[in-house]
């Protein structure tokens, strides 16, 4: 990986972390439990609960992605960024640019379904 690639990836990772963090407050708000005292019809309440559960899952994913991206920044600094967790091969630069939180190369991602 060239120094230019590292700089580009670092910038992309930092931007992605900032983007996710800017959405956290909204996700936290929409993932709060639906209050039972709010007068909603039965179907509307079920819809609201379903939406709340989806937002809860989105919040969990966002927090997980932040941790992965922050770990990626550390690995970028110590030179271990871009190494597949499974085969220990190199993760393609284009994959890292598209999904900097990736910890698997394309072949392992296809093989293990991630």
C-alpha atoms as a PDB file:
ATOM      1  CA  UNK A   1       0.000   0.000   0.000  1.00  0.00           C
ATOM      2  CA  UNK A   2       1.439   3.326  -1.039  1.00  0.00           C
ATOM      3  CA  UNK A   3       1.641   6.353   1.282  1.00  0.00           C
ATOM      4  CA  UNK A   4      -0.966   8.036  -0.951  1.00  0.00           C
ATOM      5  CA  UNK A   5      -3.312   5.063  -0.509  1.00  0.00           C
ATOM      6  CA  UNK A   6      -2.822   5.223   3.266  1.00  0.00           C
ATOM      7  CA  UNK A   7      -3.569   8.954   3.340  1.00  0.00           C
ATOM      8  CA  UNK A   8      -6.657   8.487   1.189  1.00  0.00           C
ATOM      9  CA  UNK A   9      -7.918   5.609   3.342  1.00  0.00           C
ATOM     10  CA  UNK A  10      -7.264   7.508   6.569  1.00  0.00           C
ATOM     11  CA  UNK A  11      -9.233  10.465   5.261  1.00  0.00           C
ATOM     12  CA  UNK A  12     -12.077   8.205   4.103  1.00  0.00           C
ATOM     13  CA  UNK A  13     -12.201   6.381   7.450  1.00  0.00           C
ATOM     14  CA  UNK A  14     -12.248   9.621   9.429  1.00  0.00           C
ATOM     15  CA  UNK A  15     -15.011  11.004   7.199  1.00  0.00           C
ATOM     16  CA  UNK A  16     -17.056   7.805   7.585  1.00  0.00           C
ATOM     17  CA  UNK A  17     -16.695   7.895  11.390  1.00  0.00           C
ATOM     18  CA  UNK A  18     -17.851  11.527  11.433  1.00  0.00           C
ATOM     19  CA  UNK A  19     -20.804  10.679   9.181  1.00  0.00           C
ATOM     20  CA  UNK A  20     -21.926   7.776  11.361  1.00  0.00           C
ATOM     21  CA  UNK A  21     -21.497   9.790  14.564  1.00  0.00           C
ATOM     22  CA  UNK A  22     -23.609  12.598  13.124  1.00  0.00           C
ATOM     23  CA  UNK A  23     -26.467  10.108  12.655  1.00  0.00           C
ATOM     24  CA  UNK A  24     -26.195   8.494  16.107  1.00  0.00           C
ATOM     25  CA  UNK A  25     -28.423  10.997  17.913  1.00  0.00           C
ATOM     26  CA  UNK A  26     -31.222  10.463  15.421  1.00  0.00           C
ATOM     27  CA  UNK A  27     -30.863   6.677  15.638  1.00  0.00           C
ATOM     28  CA  UNK A  28     -30.851   6.802  19.435  1.00  0.00           C
ATOM     29  CA  UNK A  29     -34.047   8.861  19.404  1.00  0.00           C
ATOM     30  CA  UNK A  30     -35.900   6.641  16.936  1.00  0.00           C
ATOM     31  CA  UNK A  31     -34.806   3.438  18.652  1.00  0.00           C
ATOM     32  CA  UNK A  32     -36.417   4.364  21.983  1.00  0.00           C
ATOM     33  CA  UNK A  33     -39.253   2.064  23.048  1.00  0.00           C
ATOM     34  CA  UNK A  34     -42.749   3.016  21.918  1.00  0.00           C
ATOM     35  CA  UNK A  35     -44.576   4.505  24.872  1.00  0.00           C
ATOM     36  CA  UNK A  36     -47.677   2.513  25.845  1.00  0.00           C
ATOM     37  CA  UNK A  37     -49.621   5.633  26.803  1.00  0.00           C
ATOM     38  CA  UNK A  38     -49.467   7.100  23.295  1.00  0.00           C
ATOM     39  CA  UNK A  39     -52.883   6.633  21.724  1.00  0.00           C
ATOM     40  CA  UNK A  40     -52.235   4.670  18.585  1.00  0.00           C
ATOM     41  CA  UNK A  41     -54.371   2.082  16.873  1.00  0.00           C
ATOM     42  CA  UNK A  42     -53.310  -1.536  17.240  1.00  0.00           C
ATOM     43  CA  UNK A  43     -51.824  -1.764  13.733  1.00  0.00           C
ATOM     44  CA  UNK A  44     -50.171   1.625  14.002  1.00  0.00           C
ATOM     45  CA  UNK A  45     -48.629   0.576  17.325  1.00  0.00           C
ATOM     46  CA  UNK A  46     -47.325  -2.636  15.723  1.00  0.00           C
ATOM     47  CA  UNK A  47     -45.829  -0.599  12.876  1.00  0.00           C
ATOM     48  CA  UNK A  48     -44.218   1.794  15.349  1.00  0.00           C
ATOM     49  CA  UNK A  49     -42.735  -1.117  17.311  1.00  0.00           C
ATOM     50  CA  UNK A  50     -41.415  -2.719  14.127  1.00  0.00           C
ATOM     51  CA  UNK A  51     -39.800   0.563  13.044  1.00  0.00           C
ATOM     52  CA  UNK A  52     -38.326   0.991  16.525  1.00  0.00           C
ATOM     53  CA  UNK A  53     -36.772  -2.502  16.356  1.00  0.00           C
ATOM     54  CA  UNK A  54     -35.280  -1.785  12.925  1.00  0.00           C
ATOM     55  CA  UNK A  55     -33.808   1.485  14.186  1.00  0.00           C
ATOM     56  CA  UNK A  56     -32.429  -0.359  17.210  1.00  0.00           C
ATOM     57  CA  UNK A  57     -30.649  -2.764  14.845  1.00  0.00           C
ATOM     58  CA  UNK A  58     -29.380   0.174  12.761  1.00  0.00           C
ATOM     59  CA  UNK A  59     -28.020   1.812  15.915  1.00  0.00           C
ATOM     60  CA  UNK A  60     -26.225  -1.382  16.908  1.00  0.00           C
ATOM     61  CA  UNK A  61     -24.718  -1.667  13.418  1.00  0.00           C
ATOM     62  CA  UNK A  62     -23.628   1.989  13.439  1.00  0.00           C
ATOM     63  CA  UNK A  63     -21.871   1.595  16.786  1.00  0.00           C
ATOM     64  CA  UNK A  64     -20.201  -1.594  15.588  1.00  0.00           C
ATOM     65  CA  UNK A  65     -19.019   0.127  12.403  1.00  0.00           C
ATOM     66  CA  UNK A  66     -17.518   2.989  14.411  1.00  0.00           C
ATOM     67  CA  UNK A  67     -15.525   0.501  16.473  1.00  0.00           C
ATOM     68  CA  UNK A  68     -14.349  -1.320  13.335  1.00  0.00           C
ATOM     69  CA  UNK A  69     -13.356   1.944  11.671  1.00  0.00           C
ATOM     70  CA  UNK A  70     -11.488   3.171  14.748  1.00  0.00           C
ATOM     71  CA  UNK A  71      -9.678  -0.171  14.883  1.00  0.00           C
ATOM     72  CA  UNK A  72      -8.884   0.286  11.195  1.00  0.00           C
ATOM     73  CA  UNK A  73      -7.256   3.643  11.940  1.00  0.00           C
ATOM     74  CA  UNK A  74      -5.043   1.988  14.561  1.00  0.00           C
ATOM     75  CA  UNK A  75      -4.097  -0.772  12.117  1.00  0.00           C
ATOM     76  CA  UNK A  76      -3.390   1.799   9.429  1.00  0.00           C
ATOM     77  CA  UNK A  77      -0.879   3.434  11.756  1.00  0.00           C
ATOM     78  CA  UNK A  78       0.837   0.172  12.750  1.00  0.00           C
ATOM     79  CA  UNK A  79       0.921  -1.247   9.215  1.00  0.00           C
ATOM     80  CA  UNK A  80      -1.495  -4.157   9.674  1.00  0.00           C
ATOM     81  CA  UNK A  81      -4.453  -2.556   7.921  1.00  0.00           C
ATOM     82  CA  UNK A  82      -5.724  -4.417   4.884  1.00  0.00           C
ATOM     83  CA  UNK A  83      -4.791  -7.919   6.046  1.00  0.00           C
ATOM     84  CA  UNK A  84      -7.581 -10.518   5.832  1.00  0.00           C
ATOM     85  CA  UNK A  85      -8.522 -11.979   9.215  1.00  0.00           C
ATOM     86  CA  UNK A  86      -9.070 -15.416   7.703  1.00  0.00           C
ATOM     87  CA  UNK A  87      -6.444 -16.119   5.039  1.00  0.00           C
ATOM     88  CA  UNK A  88      -3.969 -13.404   6.102  1.00  0.00           C
ATOM     89  CA  UNK A  89      -3.793 -12.266   2.487  1.00  0.00           C
ATOM     90  CA  UNK A  90      -4.053  -8.689   1.323  1.00  0.00           C
ATOM     91  CA  UNK A  91      -7.470  -7.066   1.049  1.00  0.00           C
ATOM     92  CA  UNK A  92      -7.741  -5.248  -2.276  1.00  0.00           C
ATOM     93  CA  UNK A  93      -7.314  -1.481  -2.152  1.00  0.00           C
ATOM     94  CA  UNK A  94     -10.570  -0.912  -4.038  1.00  0.00           C
ATOM     95  CA  UNK A  95     -12.473  -2.995  -1.454  1.00  0.00           C
ATOM     96  CA  UNK A  96     -10.852  -1.010   1.357  1.00  0.00           C
ATOM     97  CA  UNK A  97     -11.788   2.258  -0.317  1.00  0.00           C
ATOM     98  CA  UNK A  98     -15.399   1.128  -0.699  1.00  0.00           C
ATOM     99  CA  UNK A  99     -15.684  -0.593   2.696  1.00  0.00           C
ATOM    100  CA  UNK A 100     -12.856   0.558   4.963  1.00  0.00           C
ATOM    101  CA  UNK A 101     -14.307  -1.459   7.847  1.00  0.00           C
ATOM    102  CA  UNK A 102     -13.691  -4.679   5.874  1.00  0.00           C
ATOM    103  CA  UNK A 103     -11.632  -7.299   7.663  1.00  0.00           C
ATOM    104  CA  UNK A 104     -11.855  -9.916   4.899  1.00  0.00           C
ATOM    105  CA  UNK A 105     -10.689 -10.138   1.323  1.00  0.00           C
ATOM    106  CA  UNK A 106     -13.292 -10.712  -1.402  1.00  0.00           C
ATOM    107  CA  UNK A 107     -12.571 -14.442  -1.613  1.00  0.00           C
ATOM    108  CA  UNK A 108     -13.043 -15.012   2.141  1.00  0.00           C
ATOM    109  CA  UNK A 109     -16.122 -12.756   2.199  1.00  0.00           C
ATOM    110  CA  UNK A 110     -17.682 -14.874  -0.555  1.00  0.00           C
ATOM    111  CA  UNK A 111     -16.600 -18.103   1.108  1.00  0.00           C
ATOM    112  CA  UNK A 112     -17.824 -17.203   4.611  1.00  0.00           C
ATOM    113  CA  UNK A 113     -20.823 -15.119   3.562  1.00  0.00           C
ATOM    114  CA  UNK A 114     -19.837 -11.723   4.960  1.00  0.00           C
END
